[in-house]
Amino acid sequence: MRPVKVNKADVLVKLKANRSTHRAIFEEAVEGYRKEVTRQLKKHIKEMKSGKPKRTYISIPYPEDHTKDYDNAIEMLEMSVEDIVELDSEAFMAFYKDDWGWKNQFLASNSGYSRTAYMAMQAIADD
């Protein structure tokens, strides 16, 4: 498929809105992560205080974040001296439609901590 010529300002508006949504999901996931870590640590402390210590191991993956991908794309477009830019299909899907190669993994890994990520993942599954 041939690249498409698009108005740089339109793509920037969309890309910045997508970045904002992404960042909000990440921040919500970080809050959920903190709550889960705290919950598990309290559980293990309670077990230790009760005199029934067990082997304790906690492995909770930190929320995934791709804000830098948005920032790089925004900076790239803002640096362009052209008002009309060409996007190949991959860049168009990512920048305009917010369909990045990592999007499903981002939503899946953060859905345990973020209701917004969970709902977005469900919406994709329903399509």
N, C-alpha and C. Protein backbone atom coordinates (compact mmCIF):
# COMPACT_ATOMS: atom_id res chain seq x y z
N MET A 1 0.84 -1.17 0.00
CA MET A 1 0.00 0.00 0.00
C MET A 1 0.89 1.24 0.00
N ARG A 2 0.51 2.22 -0.77
CA ARG A 2 1.28 3.45 -0.90
C ARG A 2 1.06 4.34 0.32
N PRO A 3 2.06 5.15 0.65
CA PRO A 3 1.88 6.10 1.77
C PRO A 3 0.73 7.06 1.47
N VAL A 4 0.15 7.57 2.53
CA VAL A 4 -0.94 8.52 2.40
C VAL A 4 -0.44 9.89 2.85
N LYS A 5 -0.86 10.93 2.15
CA LYS A 5 -0.50 12.30 2.52
C LYS A 5 -1.59 12.82 3.45
N VAL A 6 -1.18 13.32 4.59
CA VAL A 6 -2.13 13.80 5.60
C VAL A 6 -1.71 15.16 6.12
N ASN A 7 -2.68 15.87 6.65
CA ASN A 7 -2.42 17.16 7.27
C ASN A 7 -1.71 16.91 8.60
N LYS A 8 -0.52 17.43 8.73
CA LYS A 8 0.30 17.21 9.93
C LYS A 8 -0.45 17.64 11.19
N ALA A 9 -1.14 18.77 11.15
CA ALA A 9 -1.85 19.28 12.33
C ALA A 9 -2.94 18.31 12.78
N ASP A 10 -3.64 17.71 11.83
CA ASP A 10 -4.70 16.74 12.18
C ASP A 10 -4.12 15.51 12.87
N VAL A 11 -3.01 15.02 12.34
CA VAL A 11 -2.38 13.84 12.92
C VAL A 11 -1.84 14.17 14.31
N LEU A 12 -1.28 15.35 14.48
CA LEU A 12 -0.76 15.74 15.79
C LEU A 12 -1.86 15.82 16.84
N VAL A 13 -3.01 16.36 16.46
CA VAL A 13 -4.14 16.44 17.41
C VAL A 13 -4.54 15.03 17.84
N LYS A 14 -4.68 14.14 16.89
CA LYS A 14 -5.08 12.77 17.18
C LYS A 14 -4.02 12.04 18.00
N LEU A 15 -2.76 12.20 17.62
CA LEU A 15 -1.66 11.54 18.31
C LEU A 15 -1.54 12.02 19.76
N LYS A 16 -1.71 13.30 19.99
CA LYS A 16 -1.64 13.84 21.35
C LYS A 16 -2.81 13.34 22.20
N ALA A 17 -3.98 13.23 21.60
CA ALA A 17 -5.14 12.69 22.33
C ALA A 17 -4.90 11.22 22.68
N ASN A 18 -4.37 10.47 21.73
CA ASN A 18 -4.06 9.06 21.98
C ASN A 18 -3.00 8.91 23.07
N ARG A 19 -2.02 9.80 23.06
CA ARG A 19 -0.98 9.78 24.10
C ARG A 19 -1.60 10.02 25.47
N SER A 20 -2.50 10.97 25.54
CA SER A 20 -3.15 11.29 26.80
C SER A 20 -3.92 10.09 27.35
N THR A 21 -4.65 9.41 26.48
CA THR A 21 -5.40 8.21 26.88
C THR A 21 -4.44 7.11 27.35
N HIS A 22 -3.37 6.91 26.60
CA HIS A 22 -2.37 5.90 26.96
C HIS A 22 -1.78 6.20 28.33
N ARG A 23 -1.41 7.45 28.54
CA ARG A 23 -0.77 7.83 29.80
C ARG A 23 -1.72 7.65 30.98
N ALA A 24 -3.00 7.98 30.77
CA ALA A 24 -3.99 7.81 31.83
C ALA A 24 -4.14 6.33 32.21
N ILE A 25 -4.14 5.45 31.21
CA ILE A 25 -4.21 4.02 31.48
C ILE A 25 -2.99 3.58 32.27
N PHE A 26 -1.81 4.03 31.86
CA PHE A 26 -0.59 3.67 32.56
C PHE A 26 -0.64 4.14 34.02
N GLU A 27 -1.03 5.38 34.23
CA GLU A 27 -1.07 5.92 35.59
C GLU A 27 -2.10 5.18 36.45
N GLU A 28 -3.23 4.83 35.86
CA GLU A 28 -4.22 4.03 36.58
C GLU A 28 -3.64 2.65 36.93
N ALA A 29 -2.90 2.08 36.00
CA ALA A 29 -2.29 0.77 36.24
C ALA A 29 -1.22 0.86 37.34
N VAL A 30 -0.46 1.94 37.38
CA VAL A 30 0.54 2.11 38.44
C VAL A 30 -0.14 2.16 39.80
N GLU A 31 -1.25 2.86 39.89
CA GLU A 31 -2.00 2.92 41.15
C GLU A 31 -2.51 1.53 41.54
N GLY A 32 -3.04 0.79 40.58
CA GLY A 32 -3.49 -0.57 40.84
C GLY A 32 -2.34 -1.48 41.24
N TYR A 33 -1.21 -1.30 40.60
CA TYR A 33 -0.01 -2.07 40.93
C TYR A 33 0.40 -1.82 42.38
N ARG A 34 0.43 -0.56 42.78
CA ARG A 34 0.81 -0.22 44.15
C ARG A 34 -0.14 -0.86 45.16
N LYS A 35 -1.42 -0.82 44.85
CA LYS A 35 -2.40 -1.44 45.75
C LYS A 35 -2.18 -2.94 45.86
N GLU A 36 -1.90 -3.58 44.74
CA GLU A 36 -1.69 -5.03 44.75
C GLU A 36 -0.42 -5.41 45.50
N VAL A 37 0.64 -4.67 45.29
CA VAL A 37 1.89 -4.94 46.02
C VAL A 37 1.65 -4.77 47.52
N THR A 38 0.99 -3.70 47.89
CA THR A 38 0.70 -3.44 49.30
C THR A 38 -0.15 -4.56 49.89
N ARG A 39 -1.16 -4.99 49.16
CA ARG A 39 -2.04 -6.06 49.63
C ARG A 39 -1.25 -7.34 49.89
N GLN A 40 -0.41 -7.70 48.93
CA GLN A 40 0.36 -8.94 49.08
C GLN A 40 1.39 -8.84 50.21
N LEU A 41 2.03 -7.70 50.33
CA LEU A 41 3.00 -7.54 51.41
C LEU A 41 2.32 -7.61 52.77
N LYS A 42 1.17 -6.95 52.91
CA LYS A 42 0.43 -7.02 54.17
C LYS A 42 0.04 -8.46 54.51
N LYS A 43 -0.35 -9.21 53.51
CA LYS A 43 -0.71 -10.62 53.72
C LYS A 43 0.48 -11.41 54.25
N HIS A 44 1.65 -11.19 53.66
CA HIS A 44 2.85 -11.91 54.09
C HIS A 44 3.30 -11.46 55.48
N ILE A 45 3.16 -10.19 55.78
CA ILE A 45 3.51 -9.70 57.12
C ILE A 45 2.59 -10.31 58.16
N LYS A 46 1.31 -10.39 57.84
CA LYS A 46 0.34 -11.01 58.76
C LYS A 46 0.72 -12.46 59.02
N GLU A 47 1.09 -13.19 57.97
CA GLU A 47 1.51 -14.59 58.13
C GLU A 47 2.75 -14.69 59.02
N MET A 48 3.68 -13.78 58.83
CA MET A 48 4.90 -13.79 59.64
C MET A 48 4.57 -13.52 61.11
N LYS A 49 3.71 -12.55 61.37
CA LYS A 49 3.35 -12.18 62.74
C LYS A 49 2.54 -13.29 63.43
N SER A 50 1.82 -14.07 62.64
CA SER A 50 1.00 -15.14 63.22
C SER A 50 1.83 -16.34 63.65
N GLY A 51 3.10 -16.31 63.31
CA GLY A 51 3.97 -17.43 63.68
C GLY A 51 3.95 -18.56 62.68
N LYS A 52 3.29 -18.34 61.56
CA LYS A 52 3.25 -19.37 60.51
C LYS A 52 4.00 -18.88 59.26
N PRO A 53 5.26 -18.56 59.43
CA PRO A 53 5.98 -18.04 58.26
C PRO A 53 6.12 -19.10 57.18
N LYS A 54 6.04 -18.67 55.98
CA LYS A 54 6.23 -19.53 54.82
C LYS A 54 7.33 -18.91 53.97
N ARG A 55 7.73 -19.67 53.01
CA ARG A 55 8.64 -19.09 52.03
C ARG A 55 7.87 -17.96 51.33
N THR A 56 8.47 -16.81 51.29
CA THR A 56 7.80 -15.65 50.72
C THR A 56 8.47 -15.23 49.43
N TYR A 57 7.68 -15.13 48.41
CA TYR A 57 8.17 -14.68 47.12
C TYR A 57 7.05 -13.88 46.47
N ILE A 58 7.37 -12.68 46.07
CA ILE A 58 6.38 -11.85 45.39
C ILE A 58 6.96 -11.44 44.04
N SER A 59 6.21 -11.72 43.01
CA SER A 59 6.62 -11.32 41.66
C SER A 59 5.41 -10.69 40.98
N ILE A 60 5.43 -9.40 40.93
CA ILE A 60 4.31 -8.66 40.33
C ILE A 60 4.90 -7.76 39.24
N PRO A 61 4.58 -8.02 38.00
CA PRO A 61 5.16 -7.22 36.93
C PRO A 61 4.70 -5.76 37.00
N TYR A 62 5.64 -4.85 36.77
CA TYR A 62 5.34 -3.43 36.75
C TYR A 62 4.55 -3.11 35.48
N PRO A 63 3.61 -2.17 35.57
CA PRO A 63 2.81 -1.82 34.38
C PRO A 63 3.67 -1.39 33.19
N GLU A 64 3.21 -1.75 32.04
CA GLU A 64 3.89 -1.43 30.79
C GLU A 64 3.56 0.01 30.38
N ASP A 65 4.55 0.71 29.85
CA ASP A 65 4.35 2.10 29.42
C ASP A 65 5.06 2.35 28.10
N HIS A 66 4.35 2.97 27.17
CA HIS A 66 4.92 3.31 25.87
C HIS A 66 4.77 4.79 25.56
N THR A 67 4.68 5.61 26.60
CA THR A 67 4.53 7.05 26.41
C THR A 67 5.65 7.61 25.54
N LYS A 68 6.84 7.08 25.69
CA LYS A 68 7.98 7.57 24.91
C LYS A 68 7.77 7.36 23.41
N ASP A 69 7.07 6.30 23.03
CA ASP A 69 6.78 6.09 21.61
C ASP A 69 5.92 7.23 21.07
N TYR A 70 4.93 7.64 21.86
CA TYR A 70 4.09 8.77 21.47
C TYR A 70 4.92 10.05 21.40
N ASP A 71 5.74 10.27 22.43
CA ASP A 71 6.56 11.48 22.47
C ASP A 71 7.49 11.57 21.28
N ASN A 72 8.10 10.45 20.90
CA ASN A 72 8.99 10.44 19.74
C ASN A 72 8.23 10.74 18.45
N ALA A 73 7.05 10.16 18.30
CA ALA A 73 6.25 10.40 17.09
C ALA A 73 5.80 11.86 17.03
N ILE A 74 5.38 12.40 18.17
CA ILE A 74 4.96 13.81 18.22
C ILE A 74 6.12 14.72 17.87
N GLU A 75 7.27 14.46 18.46
CA GLU A 75 8.45 15.29 18.18
C GLU A 75 8.84 15.21 16.71
N MET A 76 8.78 14.00 16.15
CA MET A 76 9.13 13.82 14.75
C MET A 76 8.21 14.67 13.86
N LEU A 77 6.91 14.61 14.13
CA LEU A 77 5.97 15.38 13.32
C LEU A 77 6.14 16.88 13.54
N GLU A 78 6.37 17.28 14.79
CA GLU A 78 6.54 18.71 15.06
C GLU A 78 7.82 19.26 14.42
N MET A 79 8.81 18.42 14.23
CA MET A 79 10.06 18.85 13.59
C MET A 79 9.93 18.97 12.08
N SER A 80 8.92 18.34 11.52
CA SER A 80 8.74 18.40 10.07
C SER A 80 8.41 19.83 9.65
N VAL A 81 9.06 20.28 8.59
CA VAL A 81 8.81 21.63 8.08
C VAL A 81 7.62 21.65 7.12
N GLU A 82 7.10 20.50 6.81
CA GLU A 82 5.98 20.37 5.89
C GLU A 82 4.65 20.39 6.65
N ASP A 83 3.63 20.98 6.04
CA ASP A 83 2.28 20.94 6.62
C ASP A 83 1.55 19.66 6.24
N ILE A 84 1.97 19.07 5.15
CA ILE A 84 1.43 17.79 4.69
C ILE A 84 2.55 16.76 4.80
N VAL A 85 2.27 15.66 5.48
CA VAL A 85 3.28 14.62 5.67
C VAL A 85 2.77 13.31 5.10
N GLU A 86 3.69 12.43 4.75
CA GLU A 86 3.33 11.11 4.25
C GLU A 86 3.50 10.10 5.37
N LEU A 87 2.49 9.27 5.53
CA LEU A 87 2.56 8.19 6.50
C LEU A 87 2.36 6.87 5.78
N ASP A 88 3.25 5.91 6.05
CA ASP A 88 3.01 4.58 5.51
C ASP A 88 1.89 3.94 6.34
N SER A 89 1.45 2.76 5.96
CA SER A 89 0.29 2.17 6.63
C SER A 89 0.58 1.88 8.10
N GLU A 90 1.80 1.48 8.42
CA GLU A 90 2.14 1.20 9.83
C GLU A 90 2.10 2.48 10.67
N ALA A 91 2.68 3.56 10.15
CA ALA A 91 2.67 4.83 10.88
C ALA A 91 1.24 5.37 10.99
N PHE A 92 0.45 5.24 9.95
CA PHE A 92 -0.93 5.71 9.99
C PHE A 92 -1.72 4.95 11.05
N MET A 93 -1.57 3.63 11.08
CA MET A 93 -2.28 2.82 12.08
C MET A 93 -1.87 3.21 13.49
N ALA A 94 -0.60 3.47 13.70
CA ALA A 94 -0.11 3.82 15.04
C ALA A 94 -0.48 5.27 15.39
N PHE A 95 -0.08 6.21 14.55
CA PHE A 95 -0.21 7.62 14.88
C PHE A 95 -1.68 8.08 14.89
N TYR A 96 -2.44 7.63 13.93
CA TYR A 96 -3.80 8.14 13.80
C TYR A 96 -4.84 7.21 14.43
N LYS A 97 -4.72 5.92 14.18
CA LYS A 97 -5.73 4.97 14.68
C LYS A 97 -5.37 4.37 16.04
N ASP A 98 -4.19 4.73 16.56
CA ASP A 98 -3.72 4.26 17.87
C ASP A 98 -3.64 2.74 17.92
N ASP A 99 -3.22 2.15 16.83
CA ASP A 99 -3.08 0.69 16.74
C ASP A 99 -1.60 0.37 16.54
N TRP A 100 -0.86 0.40 17.64
CA TRP A 100 0.58 0.15 17.63
C TRP A 100 0.83 -1.36 17.69
N GLY A 101 1.99 -1.78 17.29
CA GLY A 101 2.33 -3.20 17.33
C GLY A 101 2.30 -3.77 18.74
N TRP A 102 2.51 -2.95 19.74
CA TRP A 102 2.53 -3.38 21.14
C TRP A 102 1.20 -3.17 21.86
N LYS A 103 0.20 -2.63 21.19
CA LYS A 103 -1.06 -2.21 21.85
C LYS A 103 -1.75 -3.35 22.61
N ASN A 104 -1.91 -4.51 21.99
CA ASN A 104 -2.60 -5.62 22.66
C ASN A 104 -1.83 -6.09 23.90
N GLN A 105 -0.51 -6.17 23.80
CA GLN A 105 0.31 -6.58 24.95
C GLN A 105 0.21 -5.54 26.07
N PHE A 106 0.22 -4.27 25.71
CA PHE A 106 0.10 -3.18 26.70
C PHE A 106 -1.22 -3.32 27.46
N LEU A 107 -2.31 -3.49 26.73
CA LEU A 107 -3.62 -3.61 27.38
C LEU A 107 -3.71 -4.88 28.22
N ALA A 108 -3.21 -5.98 27.69
CA ALA A 108 -3.27 -7.25 28.42
C ALA A 108 -2.46 -7.19 29.71
N SER A 109 -1.26 -6.66 29.63
CA SER A 109 -0.40 -6.64 30.82
C SER A 109 -0.89 -5.65 31.87
N ASN A 110 -1.58 -4.61 31.46
CA ASN A 110 -2.05 -3.60 32.41
C ASN A 110 -3.49 -3.81 32.84
N SER A 111 -4.20 -4.73 32.20
CA SER A 111 -5.62 -4.91 32.51
C SER A 111 -5.87 -5.46 33.91
N GLY A 112 -4.88 -6.12 34.49
CA GLY A 112 -5.02 -6.60 35.86
C GLY A 112 -4.99 -5.48 36.88
N TYR A 113 -4.47 -4.34 36.50
CA TYR A 113 -4.35 -3.19 37.39
C TYR A 113 -5.27 -2.04 37.01
N SER A 114 -5.72 -2.02 35.77
CA SER A 114 -6.47 -0.87 35.24
C SER A 114 -7.79 -1.32 34.63
N ARG A 115 -8.87 -0.82 35.17
CA ARG A 115 -10.19 -1.13 34.60
C ARG A 115 -10.31 -0.58 33.18
N THR A 116 -9.72 0.58 32.94
CA THR A 116 -9.77 1.19 31.61
C THR A 116 -9.06 0.29 30.59
N ALA A 117 -7.90 -0.24 30.97
CA ALA A 117 -7.18 -1.16 30.07
C ALA A 117 -8.00 -2.42 29.84
N TYR A 118 -8.62 -2.92 30.89
CA TYR A 118 -9.46 -4.13 30.77
C TYR A 118 -10.61 -3.89 29.80
N MET A 119 -11.29 -2.76 29.95
CA MET A 119 -12.43 -2.44 29.07
C MET A 119 -11.98 -2.25 27.62
N ALA A 120 -10.84 -1.62 27.43
CA ALA A 120 -10.32 -1.43 26.07
C ALA A 120 -9.95 -2.77 25.44
N MET A 121 -9.38 -3.66 26.24
CA MET A 121 -9.06 -5.00 25.76
C MET A 121 -10.32 -5.76 25.37
N GLN A 122 -11.37 -5.64 26.17
CA GLN A 122 -12.64 -6.29 25.86
C GLN A 122 -13.24 -5.73 24.57
N ALA A 123 -13.14 -4.42 24.38
CA ALA A 123 -13.68 -3.80 23.16
C ALA A 123 -12.97 -4.32 21.93
N ILE A 124 -11.67 -4.51 22.03
CA ILE A 124 -10.90 -5.06 20.89
C ILE A 124 -11.33 -6.50 20.63
N ALA A 125 -11.52 -7.26 21.68
CA ALA A 125 -11.93 -8.67 21.54
C ALA A 125 -13.32 -8.78 20.91
N ASP A 126 -14.19 -7.81 21.18
CA ASP A 126 -15.55 -7.82 20.65
C ASP A 126 -15.61 -7.43 19.18
N ASP A 127 -14.55 -6.79 18.67
CA ASP A 127 -14.55 -6.36 17.25
C ASP A 127 -14.38 -7.50 16.30
